[in-house]
N, C-alpha and C. Protein backbone atom coordinates (compact mmCIF):
# COMPACT_ATOMS: atom_id res chain seq x y z
N MET A 1 -1.70 14.23 -11.86
CA MET A 1 -1.66 15.50 -12.01
C MET A 1 -0.34 15.31 -13.30
N SER A 2 -0.29 16.32 -14.36
CA SER A 2 0.58 16.19 -15.13
C SER A 2 2.03 16.30 -14.44
N ASP A 3 3.16 16.05 -14.79
CA ASP A 3 4.66 16.23 -14.23
C ASP A 3 5.16 17.43 -14.67
N GLU A 4 4.62 17.92 -15.89
CA GLU A 4 4.93 19.16 -16.44
C GLU A 4 4.41 20.27 -15.69
N LEU A 5 3.19 20.22 -15.00
CA LEU A 5 2.45 20.90 -14.00
C LEU A 5 2.93 21.39 -12.78
N VAL A 6 3.71 20.47 -12.32
CA VAL A 6 4.25 20.58 -11.05
C VAL A 6 4.98 21.73 -10.53
N PRO A 7 5.90 22.10 -11.26
CA PRO A 7 7.00 23.22 -11.20
C PRO A 7 5.79 24.54 -11.20
N LEU A 8 5.09 24.48 -12.12
CA LEU A 8 3.92 25.49 -11.96
C LEU A 8 3.22 25.59 -10.52
N LEU A 9 2.79 24.95 -10.32
CA LEU A 9 1.62 24.72 -9.01
C LEU A 9 2.91 25.16 -7.89
N ALA A 10 4.08 24.64 -8.14
CA ALA A 10 5.05 24.84 -6.88
C ALA A 10 5.60 26.10 -6.81
N GLY A 11 5.29 26.75 -7.89
CA GLY A 11 5.95 28.18 -8.00
C GLY A 11 4.68 29.12 -7.61
N LEU A 12 3.60 28.92 -7.94
CA LEU A 12 2.20 29.70 -7.09
C LEU A 12 2.13 29.67 -5.81
N VAL A 13 2.63 28.54 -5.13
CA VAL A 13 2.73 28.22 -3.87
C VAL A 13 3.58 29.15 -3.16
N ALA A 14 4.71 29.09 -3.88
CA ALA A 14 5.95 29.68 -3.36
C ALA A 14 5.73 31.31 -3.56
N LEU A 15 5.06 31.83 -4.62
CA LEU A 15 4.52 33.32 -4.78
C LEU A 15 3.65 33.72 -3.47
N VAL A 16 2.74 32.83 -3.17
CA VAL A 16 1.94 33.21 -1.96
C VAL A 16 2.57 33.50 -0.81
N ALA A 17 3.71 32.46 -0.49
CA ALA A 17 4.26 32.51 0.31
C ALA A 17 5.07 33.75 0.87
N VAL A 18 5.73 34.32 -0.39
CA VAL A 18 6.31 35.17 -0.49
C VAL A 18 5.85 36.74 -0.96
N GLY A 19 4.43 36.52 -1.71
CA GLY A 19 3.56 37.60 -1.81
C GLY A 19 2.83 37.92 -0.78
N GLN A 20 2.30 37.16 -0.10
CA GLN A 20 1.09 37.73 1.23
C GLN A 20 1.86 38.08 2.43
N SER A 21 1.47 38.98 2.55
CA SER A 21 2.48 39.92 3.80
C SER A 21 2.59 39.11 5.29
N GLY A 22 1.23 38.44 5.44
CA GLY A 22 1.17 37.64 6.94
C GLY A 22 2.17 36.34 6.69
N ILE A 23 1.94 35.82 5.40
CA ILE A 23 2.60 34.33 5.70
C ILE A 23 4.28 34.89 5.44
N TRP A 24 4.72 35.92 4.47
CA TRP A 24 5.68 36.57 4.52
C TRP A 24 6.55 36.93 5.87
N ARG A 25 5.80 37.28 6.96
CA ARG A 25 6.57 37.75 8.15
C ARG A 25 7.12 36.35 8.72
N VAL A 26 6.52 35.28 8.50
CA VAL A 26 6.81 34.09 8.97
C VAL A 26 7.62 33.20 8.24
N SER A 27 7.51 33.13 6.86
CA SER A 27 8.37 32.48 6.01
C SER A 27 9.95 33.31 5.54
N ARG A 28 9.80 34.68 5.97
CA ARG A 28 11.08 34.98 5.67
C ARG A 28 12.33 34.81 6.34
N THR A 29 12.00 34.13 7.33
CA THR A 29 12.81 33.48 8.63
C THR A 29 13.67 32.58 7.51
N LEU A 30 12.96 31.68 6.61
CA LEU A 30 13.84 30.79 5.80
C LEU A 30 14.96 31.56 4.81
N VAL A 31 14.47 32.71 4.50
CA VAL A 31 15.36 33.58 3.39
C VAL A 31 16.58 34.23 4.33
N THR A 32 16.26 34.44 5.47
CA THR A 32 17.40 34.92 6.38
C THR A 32 18.13 33.93 7.05
N ILE A 33 17.79 32.64 7.01
CA ILE A 33 18.86 31.60 7.40
C ILE A 33 19.71 31.52 6.15
N ALA A 34 19.01 31.29 4.88
CA ALA A 34 19.98 31.17 3.76
C ALA A 34 21.28 32.57 3.43
N HIS A 35 20.64 33.77 3.93
CA HIS A 35 21.39 34.85 4.00
C HIS A 35 22.46 34.98 4.78
N GLU A 36 22.48 34.59 6.43
CA GLU A 36 23.36 34.54 7.28
C GLU A 36 24.41 33.17 6.95
N ALA A 37 23.66 32.06 6.22
CA ALA A 37 24.43 30.87 5.88
C ALA A 37 25.54 31.54 4.75
N GLY A 38 24.90 32.36 3.89
CA GLY A 38 26.20 32.74 2.78
C GLY A 38 27.10 33.81 3.47
N HIS A 39 26.68 34.54 4.57
CA HIS A 39 27.88 35.52 5.11
C HIS A 39 28.74 34.31 5.83
N ALA A 40 28.21 33.37 6.57
CA ALA A 40 28.88 32.32 7.14
C ALA A 40 30.18 31.38 6.59
N VAL A 41 29.56 30.85 5.50
CA VAL A 41 30.38 30.10 4.37
C VAL A 41 31.42 30.78 3.70
N VAL A 42 31.14 32.02 3.33
CA VAL A 42 32.21 32.80 2.55
C VAL A 42 33.08 33.39 3.82
N ALA A 43 32.94 33.64 4.95
CA ALA A 43 33.96 34.01 5.98
C ALA A 43 34.83 33.06 6.12
N VAL A 44 34.16 31.39 6.11
CA VAL A 44 35.36 30.43 6.52
C VAL A 44 35.96 30.41 5.39
N LEU A 45 35.36 30.46 4.24
CA LEU A 45 36.26 30.19 2.88
C LEU A 45 37.16 31.45 2.64
N SER A 46 37.23 32.23 3.31
CA SER A 46 37.98 33.47 3.21
C SER A 46 38.94 33.52 4.36
N GLY A 47 38.92 32.72 5.06
CA GLY A 47 40.12 32.78 6.17
C GLY A 47 39.34 33.37 7.49
N ARG A 48 38.39 33.89 7.59
CA ARG A 48 37.87 34.52 8.74
C ARG A 48 37.47 33.53 9.61
N ARG A 49 37.56 33.85 10.92
CA ARG A 49 37.06 32.86 12.10
C ARG A 49 35.60 33.10 12.34
N LEU A 50 34.99 32.44 12.18
CA LEU A 50 33.30 32.25 12.26
C LEU A 50 33.05 32.27 14.01
N SER A 51 32.32 33.31 14.60
CA SER A 51 32.21 33.36 15.86
C SER A 51 30.58 32.78 16.17
N GLY A 52 29.68 33.27 15.34
CA GLY A 52 28.33 32.79 15.46
C GLY A 52 27.36 33.52 14.81
N ILE A 53 26.19 32.59 14.46
CA ILE A 53 25.10 33.52 14.06
C ILE A 53 23.87 33.68 14.68
N ARG A 54 22.98 34.84 14.72
CA ARG A 54 21.99 34.93 15.40
C ARG A 54 21.01 35.09 14.71
N LEU A 55 19.64 34.51 14.79
CA LEU A 55 18.34 34.55 13.86
C LEU A 55 17.22 35.26 15.04
N HIS A 56 16.68 36.46 14.38
CA HIS A 56 15.64 37.15 15.30
C HIS A 56 14.25 36.92 14.68
N SER A 57 13.37 36.78 15.86
CA SER A 57 12.05 36.56 15.35
C SER A 57 11.31 37.76 14.49
N ASP A 58 12.04 38.74 14.59
CA ASP A 58 11.72 39.91 13.46
C ASP A 58 12.10 39.47 12.06
N THR A 59 12.63 38.42 11.65
CA THR A 59 13.30 37.96 10.60
C THR A 59 14.77 38.48 10.31
N SER A 60 15.22 39.33 11.15
CA SER A 60 16.48 39.84 11.05
C SER A 60 17.68 38.91 11.39
N GLY A 61 18.76 39.17 10.92
CA GLY A 61 19.91 38.02 11.59
C GLY A 61 21.18 38.96 11.59
N VAL A 62 22.39 38.34 12.06
CA VAL A 62 23.44 38.76 12.11
C VAL A 62 24.68 37.75 12.35
N THR A 63 25.65 37.59 11.68
CA THR A 63 26.76 36.85 11.17
C THR A 63 27.96 37.52 11.87
N VAL A 64 28.39 36.79 12.92
CA VAL A 64 29.83 37.63 13.80
C VAL A 64 30.91 36.62 13.21
N SER A 65 31.95 37.27 12.56
CA SER A 65 33.48 36.55 12.09
C SER A 65 34.24 37.38 12.56
N ARG A 66 35.71 36.95 12.99
CA ARG A 66 36.56 37.63 13.27
C ARG A 66 37.76 37.69 12.51
N GLY A 67 38.59 38.81 12.17
CA GLY A 67 39.79 38.55 11.28
C GLY A 67 39.96 40.16 10.74
N ARG A 68 40.59 40.51 10.12
CA ARG A 68 40.95 42.02 9.55
C ARG A 68 39.34 42.52 9.01
N SER A 69 39.51 43.70 9.90
CA SER A 69 38.24 44.54 9.49
C SER A 69 38.19 45.49 8.17
N SER A 70 39.18 45.11 7.21
CA SER A 70 38.98 45.58 5.85
C SER A 70 39.68 44.20 4.96
N GLY A 71 39.65 44.78 3.63
CA GLY A 71 40.15 43.89 2.73
C GLY A 71 39.16 42.77 2.24
N PRO A 72 39.97 41.90 1.18
CA PRO A 72 39.06 41.26 0.14
C PRO A 72 38.05 40.40 1.05
N GLY A 73 38.71 39.65 2.14
CA GLY A 73 38.03 38.97 2.99
C GLY A 73 36.90 39.29 3.67
N MET A 74 36.85 40.53 3.99
CA MET A 74 35.87 40.99 4.86
C MET A 74 34.62 41.67 3.48
N VAL A 75 34.94 42.00 2.67
CA VAL A 75 34.60 42.39 1.56
C VAL A 75 33.58 41.27 0.84
N PHE A 76 34.11 40.32 0.66
CA PHE A 76 33.28 39.05 0.18
C PHE A 76 32.37 38.39 1.39
N THR A 77 33.01 38.36 2.45
CA THR A 77 31.77 38.28 3.39
C THR A 77 30.63 39.07 3.50
N ALA A 78 30.82 40.26 3.68
CA ALA A 78 29.41 40.97 3.60
C ALA A 78 29.00 41.21 2.25
N LEU A 79 29.37 40.88 1.37
CA LEU A 79 28.89 40.68 0.14
C LEU A 79 27.95 39.57 -0.16
N ALA A 80 28.15 38.68 0.41
CA ALA A 80 27.67 37.17 0.23
C ALA A 80 26.16 37.01 0.74
N GLY A 81 25.57 37.82 1.86
CA GLY A 81 24.35 37.45 2.31
C GLY A 81 23.43 37.62 1.20
N TYR A 82 22.89 38.94 0.66
CA TYR A 82 21.98 39.10 0.09
C TYR A 82 21.86 38.17 -1.42
N PRO A 83 23.09 38.10 -1.99
CA PRO A 83 22.98 37.13 -3.28
C PRO A 83 22.67 35.51 -2.94
N ALA A 84 23.07 35.23 -1.64
CA ALA A 84 23.01 33.72 -1.14
C ALA A 84 21.60 33.12 -1.60
N PRO A 85 20.53 33.58 -0.97
CA PRO A 85 19.23 32.82 -1.12
C PRO A 85 18.65 32.43 -2.88
N PRO A 86 18.79 33.93 -3.49
CA PRO A 86 18.52 33.65 -5.15
C PRO A 86 19.71 32.63 -5.49
N LEU A 87 20.84 32.58 -5.57
CA LEU A 87 21.87 31.55 -6.00
C LEU A 87 21.63 30.37 -5.58
N LEU A 88 21.40 30.02 -4.32
CA LEU A 88 21.24 28.90 -3.60
C LEU A 88 19.81 28.28 -4.47
N GLY A 89 18.64 29.27 -4.76
CA GLY A 89 17.26 28.76 -5.48
C GLY A 89 17.83 28.29 -6.88
N LEU A 90 18.72 29.23 -7.58
CA LEU A 90 19.09 28.70 -8.89
C LEU A 90 19.95 27.36 -8.58
N GLY A 91 20.59 27.13 -7.87
CA GLY A 91 21.20 25.88 -7.86
C GLY A 91 20.07 24.77 -7.62
N ALA A 92 19.16 25.08 -6.81
CA ALA A 92 18.43 24.06 -6.55
C ALA A 92 17.69 23.89 -7.70
N ALA A 93 16.88 24.78 -8.61
CA ALA A 93 16.34 24.65 -9.55
C ALA A 93 16.93 23.74 -10.71
N ALA A 94 18.44 23.96 -10.65
CA ALA A 94 19.30 22.99 -11.64
C ALA A 94 19.28 21.55 -10.83
N LEU A 95 19.27 21.51 -10.01
CA LEU A 95 19.36 19.88 -9.32
C LEU A 95 17.96 19.45 -9.52
N VAL A 96 16.77 20.23 -9.43
CA VAL A 96 15.36 19.53 -9.60
C VAL A 96 15.08 19.33 -11.06
N VAL A 97 15.61 20.24 -11.96
CA VAL A 97 15.74 19.97 -13.67
C VAL A 97 16.30 18.45 -13.69
N LEU A 98 17.42 18.19 -13.30
CA LEU A 98 18.32 17.06 -13.27
C LEU A 98 18.08 15.95 -13.09
N GLY A 99 16.84 16.08 -11.97
CA GLY A 99 16.21 14.68 -11.33
C GLY A 99 17.04 14.68 -9.95
N HIS A 100 17.74 15.29 -9.56
CA HIS A 100 18.61 14.91 -8.33
C HIS A 100 18.06 15.59 -7.02
N THR A 101 16.83 15.35 -6.91
CA THR A 101 15.98 15.93 -5.73
C THR A 101 16.63 15.44 -4.24
N ARG A 102 17.12 14.43 -4.63
CA ARG A 102 17.51 13.44 -3.17
C ARG A 102 18.47 14.18 -2.62
N ALA A 103 19.63 14.31 -3.90
CA ALA A 103 20.81 15.25 -3.30
C ALA A 103 20.70 16.61 -3.06
N LEU A 104 19.67 17.38 -3.53
CA LEU A 104 19.31 18.35 -2.88
C LEU A 104 18.84 18.54 -1.56
N LEU A 105 18.15 17.72 -1.34
CA LEU A 105 17.61 17.56 0.44
C LEU A 105 18.82 17.56 1.15
N VAL A 106 19.96 16.52 0.85
CA VAL A 106 20.71 15.86 1.47
C VAL A 106 21.82 17.24 1.86
N ALA A 107 21.89 17.77 0.54
CA ALA A 107 22.68 19.46 0.69
C ALA A 107 22.18 20.42 1.44
N ALA A 108 20.73 20.57 1.34
CA ALA A 108 20.09 21.36 2.21
C ALA A 108 20.20 20.79 3.65
N LEU A 109 19.91 19.97 4.03
CA LEU A 109 20.26 19.31 5.33
C LEU A 109 21.52 19.42 5.95
N LEU A 110 22.38 19.34 5.09
CA LEU A 110 24.00 19.37 5.51
C LEU A 110 24.21 20.87 5.77
N LEU A 111 23.62 21.82 4.94
CA LEU A 111 23.72 23.27 5.27
C LEU A 111 23.00 23.63 6.37
N LEU A 112 21.90 22.88 6.80
CA LEU A 112 21.17 23.82 8.26
C LEU A 112 22.01 23.06 9.15
N LEU A 113 22.21 21.89 9.22
CA LEU A 113 23.19 21.44 10.39
C LEU A 113 24.31 22.25 10.69
N ALA A 114 25.19 22.37 9.46
CA ALA A 114 26.44 23.35 9.69
C ALA A 114 25.92 24.76 10.09
N THR A 115 24.96 25.14 10.14
CA THR A 115 24.25 26.47 10.38
C THR A 115 23.76 26.45 11.91
N LEU A 116 23.50 25.57 11.92
CA LEU A 116 23.07 25.03 13.62
C LEU A 116 24.23 25.14 14.36
N VAL A 117 25.34 24.60 14.00
CA VAL A 117 26.46 24.40 14.96
C VAL A 117 26.87 25.90 15.47
N TYR A 118 26.74 27.08 14.61
CA TYR A 118 26.96 28.41 14.98
C TYR A 118 26.18 29.38 15.37
N VAL A 119 24.87 28.71 15.70
CA VAL A 119 23.60 29.69 16.05
C VAL A 119 23.66 29.93 17.61
N ARG A 120 23.38 31.10 17.90
CA ARG A 120 23.87 31.16 19.29
C ARG A 120 22.53 31.88 20.00
N ASN A 121 21.32 31.70 19.40
CA ASN A 121 20.09 32.24 20.27
C ASN A 121 19.23 31.16 20.21
N LEU A 122 18.46 31.16 21.08
CA LEU A 122 17.22 30.18 21.15
C LEU A 122 16.41 30.04 19.95
N PHE A 123 15.71 31.21 19.42
CA PHE A 123 14.80 31.35 18.49
C PHE A 123 15.78 31.00 17.23
N GLY A 124 16.88 31.40 16.80
CA GLY A 124 17.40 30.86 15.84
C GLY A 124 17.87 29.56 15.74
N GLY A 125 18.18 28.73 16.92
CA GLY A 125 18.13 27.02 16.78
C GLY A 125 16.95 26.59 16.71
N PHE A 126 15.87 27.39 17.08
CA PHE A 126 14.61 26.67 16.89
C PHE A 126 14.04 26.54 15.35
N ALA A 127 14.41 27.66 14.63
CA ALA A 127 14.02 27.92 13.34
C ALA A 127 14.66 27.09 12.49
N VAL A 128 16.06 26.80 12.82
CA VAL A 128 17.13 25.87 11.79
C VAL A 128 16.63 24.63 12.25
N LEU A 129 16.25 24.34 13.24
CA LEU A 129 15.75 22.83 13.89
C LEU A 129 14.59 22.45 12.95
N LEU A 130 13.84 23.21 12.99
CA LEU A 130 12.33 23.00 12.57
C LEU A 130 12.27 23.04 11.18
N SER A 131 13.63 23.81 10.33
CA SER A 131 13.71 23.78 9.09
C SER A 131 14.42 22.47 8.31
N GLY A 132 15.19 21.93 9.53
CA GLY A 132 15.76 20.86 8.99
C GLY A 132 14.91 19.60 9.23
N ALA A 133 13.99 19.80 10.07
CA ALA A 133 13.25 18.58 10.46
C ALA A 133 12.43 18.27 9.46
N VAL A 134 11.76 19.48 8.93
CA VAL A 134 10.83 19.47 7.51
C VAL A 134 11.76 18.61 6.23
N VAL A 135 12.73 19.31 6.03
CA VAL A 135 13.61 18.61 4.98
C VAL A 135 13.94 17.31 5.06
N GLY A 136 14.41 16.91 6.40
CA GLY A 136 14.57 15.61 6.73
C GLY A 136 13.31 14.56 6.27
N LEU A 137 12.21 14.97 6.89
CA LEU A 137 10.96 14.11 6.78
C LEU A 137 10.55 14.11 5.29
N VAL A 138 10.78 15.29 4.64
CA VAL A 138 10.36 14.94 2.94
C VAL A 138 11.54 14.07 2.49
N GLY A 139 12.54 14.35 2.59
CA GLY A 139 13.78 13.50 2.08
C GLY A 139 13.67 12.10 2.55
N TRP A 140 13.23 11.47 3.90
CA TRP A 140 13.23 10.15 4.33
C TRP A 140 11.87 9.55 4.01
N TYR A 141 10.60 10.28 4.13
CA TYR A 141 9.32 9.63 3.78
C TYR A 141 8.43 10.06 2.68
N GLY A 142 8.99 10.86 1.75
CA GLY A 142 8.38 11.34 1.06
C GLY A 142 9.07 10.53 -0.44
N GLY A 143 7.61 10.33 -1.53
CA GLY A 143 7.91 9.67 -2.51
C GLY A 143 8.63 10.59 -3.68
N GLU A 144 8.84 10.23 -4.78
CA GLU A 144 9.20 11.01 -5.73
C GLU A 144 8.68 12.08 -6.03
N GLU A 145 7.39 12.13 -6.25
CA GLU A 145 6.24 13.00 -6.64
C GLU A 145 6.59 14.12 -5.41
N ILE A 146 6.50 13.78 -4.30
CA ILE A 146 6.38 14.76 -3.33
C ILE A 146 7.65 15.39 -3.07
N ARG A 147 9.01 14.71 -3.32
CA ARG A 147 10.43 15.30 -3.33
C ARG A 147 10.10 16.40 -4.32
N VAL A 148 10.10 15.86 -5.59
CA VAL A 148 10.00 17.22 -6.69
C VAL A 148 9.20 18.38 -6.42
N ALA A 149 7.82 18.05 -5.83
CA ALA A 149 7.15 19.32 -5.83
C ALA A 149 7.76 19.98 -4.61
N PHE A 150 8.22 19.26 -3.46
CA PHE A 150 8.61 20.27 -2.44
C PHE A 150 10.03 20.90 -3.01
N CYS A 151 11.03 20.13 -3.71
CA CYS A 151 12.16 20.71 -3.98
C CYS A 151 11.94 22.07 -5.03
N ALA A 152 10.83 21.70 -5.94
CA ALA A 152 10.67 22.93 -6.81
C ALA A 152 9.86 24.05 -5.97
N ALA A 153 9.15 23.78 -5.07
CA ALA A 153 8.66 24.97 -4.02
C ALA A 153 9.85 25.54 -3.53
N LEU A 154 10.58 25.18 -2.89
CA LEU A 154 12.12 25.49 -2.38
C LEU A 154 12.74 26.27 -3.36
N SER A 155 12.82 25.86 -4.14
CA SER A 155 13.64 26.71 -5.36
C SER A 155 13.06 27.95 -5.77
N TRP A 156 11.52 27.92 -5.83
CA TRP A 156 10.99 29.28 -6.60
C TRP A 156 10.91 29.97 -4.91
N PHE A 157 10.82 29.59 -3.71
CA PHE A 157 10.53 30.15 -2.87
C PHE A 157 11.95 31.21 -2.49
N LEU A 158 13.23 30.31 -2.68
CA LEU A 158 14.51 31.06 -2.78
C LEU A 158 14.69 32.23 -3.64
N LEU A 159 14.12 31.94 -4.67
CA LEU A 159 14.32 32.77 -5.86
C LEU A 159 13.69 34.23 -5.65
N LEU A 160 12.10 33.93 -5.64
CA LEU A 160 11.24 35.04 -5.26
C LEU A 160 11.63 35.43 -4.05
N GLY A 161 11.78 34.85 -2.60
CA GLY A 161 12.17 35.57 -1.66
C GLY A 161 13.42 36.09 -1.69
N GLY A 162 14.54 35.66 -2.21
CA GLY A 162 15.64 36.63 -2.32
C GLY A 162 15.47 37.81 -3.09
N LEU A 163 14.61 37.94 -4.00
CA LEU A 163 14.32 39.11 -4.80
C LEU A 163 13.64 40.14 -3.93
N ARG A 164 12.74 39.59 -3.15
CA ARG A 164 11.84 40.24 -2.23
C ARG A 164 12.64 41.06 -1.48
N ALA A 165 13.18 40.29 -0.54
CA ALA A 165 14.37 40.84 0.73
C ALA A 165 15.29 41.95 0.03
N VAL A 166 15.91 41.93 -1.15
CA VAL A 166 16.68 42.75 -1.88
C VAL A 166 15.78 44.22 -2.15
N LEU A 167 14.40 44.12 -2.41
CA LEU A 167 13.66 45.10 -2.66
C LEU A 167 13.43 45.62 -1.43
N GLU A 168 13.19 44.84 -0.42
CA GLU A 168 12.84 45.63 0.73
C GLU A 168 13.78 46.24 1.28
N LEU A 169 15.18 45.97 1.01
CA LEU A 169 16.71 46.63 1.56
C LEU A 169 16.75 47.70 0.82
N ARG A 170 15.99 47.97 -0.47
CA ARG A 170 16.38 49.01 -1.57
C ARG A 170 15.21 50.29 -0.61
N ARG A 171 13.89 49.62 -0.19
CA ARG A 171 12.88 50.75 0.45
C ARG A 171 13.37 51.18 1.61
N ALA A 172 14.09 50.24 2.54
CA ALA A 172 14.19 50.70 3.73
C ALA A 172 15.73 51.22 3.98
N ARG A 173 16.60 51.36 2.91
CA ARG A 173 17.83 51.58 3.21
C ARG A 173 18.07 52.69 4.20
N ARG A 174 17.26 53.68 3.76
CA ARG A 174 17.40 55.05 4.52
C ARG A 174 17.30 54.78 6.34
N GLY A 175 16.55 53.73 6.53
CA GLY A 175 16.35 53.93 7.83
C GLY A 175 17.34 52.76 8.50
N ARG A 176 18.38 52.25 7.55
CA ARG A 176 18.81 50.93 8.16
C ARG A 176 20.25 51.20 7.52
N PRO A 177 20.97 52.37 8.06
CA PRO A 177 22.54 52.66 7.72
C PRO A 177 23.50 51.58 7.77
N GLY A 178 23.32 50.76 8.33
CA GLY A 178 24.29 49.55 8.85
C GLY A 178 24.24 48.23 8.08
N SER A 179 23.29 48.39 6.97
CA SER A 179 23.01 47.48 5.83
C SER A 179 24.39 46.86 5.16
N ASP A 180 24.07 45.92 4.80
CA ASP A 180 25.33 45.29 3.99
C ASP A 180 25.54 46.33 2.83
N ALA A 181 24.79 46.80 2.41
CA ALA A 181 25.16 47.61 1.01
C ALA A 181 25.89 48.55 1.79
N ASP A 182 25.57 49.47 2.85
CA ASP A 182 26.38 50.58 3.44
C ASP A 182 27.65 50.21 3.91
N GLN A 183 27.53 48.62 4.63
CA GLN A 183 29.26 48.25 4.95
C GLN A 183 29.95 48.12 3.86
N LEU A 184 29.21 47.53 2.67
CA LEU A 184 30.13 47.23 1.15
C LEU A 184 30.86 48.81 0.71
N ALA A 185 29.88 49.96 0.91
CA ALA A 185 30.27 51.21 0.72
C ALA A 185 31.45 51.73 1.53
N ALA A 186 31.47 51.65 2.75
CA ALA A 186 32.37 52.04 3.74
C ALA A 186 33.88 51.13 3.10
N LEU A 187 33.69 50.04 3.15
CA LEU A 187 34.88 49.10 2.66
C LEU A 187 35.54 49.18 1.56
N THR A 188 34.78 49.73 0.36
CA THR A 188 35.37 49.79 -0.89
C THR A 188 35.14 51.06 -1.44
N GLY A 189 34.24 52.01 -1.04
CA GLY A 189 34.10 53.40 -1.64
C GLY A 189 33.36 53.34 -2.64
N VAL A 190 32.52 52.20 -3.04
CA VAL A 190 31.48 52.14 -4.17
C VAL A 190 30.15 52.45 -3.45
N PRO A 191 29.52 53.40 -4.15
CA PRO A 191 28.21 53.95 -3.18
C PRO A 191 27.33 52.76 -2.81
N ALA A 192 26.67 52.85 -1.82
CA ALA A 192 25.73 51.72 -1.43
C ALA A 192 24.56 51.36 -2.54
N PRO A 193 24.31 52.65 -3.43
CA PRO A 193 23.10 52.41 -4.36
C PRO A 193 23.85 51.31 -5.47
N GLY A 194 25.36 51.66 -5.77
CA GLY A 194 25.93 50.53 -6.63
C GLY A 194 25.79 49.24 -6.07
N TRP A 195 25.90 48.85 -4.69
CA TRP A 195 25.70 47.60 -4.50
C TRP A 195 24.33 47.11 -4.46
N LEU A 196 23.55 47.70 -4.17
CA LEU A 196 21.73 47.43 -4.34
C LEU A 196 21.83 47.15 -5.70
N GLY A 197 22.08 47.81 -6.78
CA GLY A 197 21.87 47.42 -8.03
C GLY A 197 22.56 46.25 -8.26
N LEU A 198 23.61 45.72 -7.86
CA LEU A 198 24.13 44.40 -7.85
C LEU A 198 23.51 43.30 -7.40
N PHE A 199 22.74 43.79 -6.34
CA PHE A 199 21.85 42.27 -5.67
C PHE A 199 20.87 42.33 -6.31
N VAL A 200 20.17 43.70 -6.84
CA VAL A 200 18.70 43.07 -7.54
C VAL A 200 19.22 42.75 -8.82
N LEU A 201 20.20 43.17 -9.43
CA LEU A 201 20.51 42.62 -11.08
C LEU A 201 21.05 40.50 -10.52
N LEU A 202 21.83 40.43 -9.58
CA LEU A 202 21.99 38.91 -9.13
C LEU A 202 20.36 38.16 -8.80
N ALA A 203 19.59 38.87 -8.37
CA ALA A 203 18.29 38.28 -7.82
C ALA A 203 17.50 38.21 -9.01
N LEU A 204 17.28 38.92 -10.17
CA LEU A 204 16.37 39.07 -11.12
C LEU A 204 17.18 37.85 -12.16
N GLY A 205 18.32 38.01 -12.30
CA GLY A 205 18.77 36.99 -13.25
C GLY A 205 18.86 35.54 -12.93
N SER A 206 18.88 35.24 -11.61
CA SER A 206 18.75 33.99 -10.80
C SER A 206 17.39 33.57 -11.09
N LEU A 207 16.44 34.62 -10.81
CA LEU A 207 15.01 34.11 -11.09
C LEU A 207 14.65 34.07 -12.33
N GLY A 208 15.17 34.70 -13.18
CA GLY A 208 14.70 34.67 -14.95
C GLY A 208 15.31 33.17 -15.36
N LEU A 209 17.04 32.87 -14.79
CA LEU A 209 16.97 31.89 -15.80
C LEU A 209 16.36 30.63 -14.77
N GLY A 210 16.54 30.50 -13.20
CA GLY A 210 16.13 29.46 -12.77
C GLY A 210 14.30 28.98 -13.23
N GLY A 211 13.67 30.35 -13.18
CA GLY A 211 12.49 30.01 -13.84
C GLY A 211 12.12 29.65 -15.12
N TRP A 212 13.10 29.85 -16.04
CA TRP A 212 13.08 29.07 -17.43
C TRP A 212 13.47 27.61 -17.15
N TRP A 213 14.54 27.41 -16.15
CA TRP A 213 14.73 25.77 -16.13
C TRP A 213 13.45 25.28 -15.47
N LEU A 214 12.96 25.55 -14.48
CA LEU A 214 11.67 25.01 -13.89
C LEU A 214 10.70 24.90 -15.03
N LEU A 215 10.35 25.85 -15.69
CA LEU A 215 9.22 25.79 -16.67
C LEU A 215 9.36 25.46 -17.96
N ALA A 216 10.74 25.02 -18.30
CA ALA A 216 11.01 24.72 -19.73
C ALA A 216 10.21 23.53 -20.39
N ASP A 217 9.56 22.88 -19.73
CA ASP A 217 8.53 21.80 -20.28
C ASP A 217 7.36 22.23 -20.88
N LEU A 218 6.88 23.62 -20.25
CA LEU A 218 5.94 24.40 -20.62
C LEU A 218 5.64 25.31 -21.44
N LEU A 219 7.08 25.84 -21.70
CA LEU A 219 7.54 27.01 -22.39
C LEU A 219 7.60 26.28 -24.07
N PRO A 220 7.25 27.08 -24.99
CA PRO A 220 7.78 27.19 -26.45
C PRO A 220 9.30 26.98 -26.57
N PRO A 221 9.74 25.91 -27.42
CA PRO A 221 11.08 26.23 -27.91
C PRO A 221 11.63 27.31 -28.31
N VAL A 222 12.72 27.58 -27.97
CA VAL A 222 13.23 28.91 -28.48
C VAL A 222 13.35 29.26 -29.88
N GLU A 223 13.42 28.10 -30.71
CA GLU A 223 13.31 28.28 -32.19
C GLU A 223 11.72 28.94 -32.50
N GLU A 224 10.79 28.61 -32.02
CA GLU A 224 9.61 29.09 -32.15
C GLU A 224 9.36 30.27 -31.70
N LEU A 225 9.97 30.72 -30.67
CA LEU A 225 9.96 32.55 -30.10
C LEU A 225 10.73 33.03 -31.08
N LEU A 226 11.75 32.85 -31.76
CA LEU A 226 12.45 33.47 -32.49
C LEU A 226 11.85 33.31 -34.12
N ALA A 227 11.06 32.41 -34.36
CA ALA A 227 10.68 32.33 -35.76
C ALA A 227 10.03 33.54 -36.31
N PRO A 228 9.16 34.46 -35.54
CA PRO A 228 8.77 35.67 -36.04
C PRO A 228 9.64 36.25 -36.45
N LEU A 229 10.77 36.48 -36.01
CA LEU A 229 12.11 37.80 -36.42
C LEU A 229 12.66 37.26 -37.51
N GLU A 230 12.60 35.84 -38.11
CA GLU A 230 13.18 35.62 -39.57
C GLU A 230 12.61 35.98 -40.48
């Protein structure tokens, strides 16, 4: 198989995993892990005390941290969840393009292990352990081609899955008044639709840029795209 086609085929696999409802009901758990990890990391960085993470079989999750109930630390913690999967996908795409797949797998494994320390329920522990086992097996036993294909698929999945999760929140928000967007509205006074718009823009921007990087070898140079305009 041509090396240039690997990211494209990986993207098609990820598209199925995100777009097919039956598969998505299971695979969405990985997006939830990234989402809650985003909350957790920013909570710690902002000086809050992380109490625990719970991941549920319906692919929902919650991260509990202690500290001030308002202020920048709480705002950034609430903000971090939905942007985390697409931004992690964008970072993964950059490492794939630069050829640092082993570093990407190590970083993913470390993030999963750090998350596992704070998981407080059985299903959540199982989901994180299973994800870590898959990443570890690919990193330890997989050859270069397998690592590239897996990392490209992971990047696409986080980019596409992060966008779908945001769009699902946008459709379901009326029935979920405690969503991250509603919490941010209460904390900042900025209406929830404004935060939803920010989530969508970040997800779309990450998908556009990450997709461009991953498919760069299959796309015509920018000069050719602009030639008709000259």
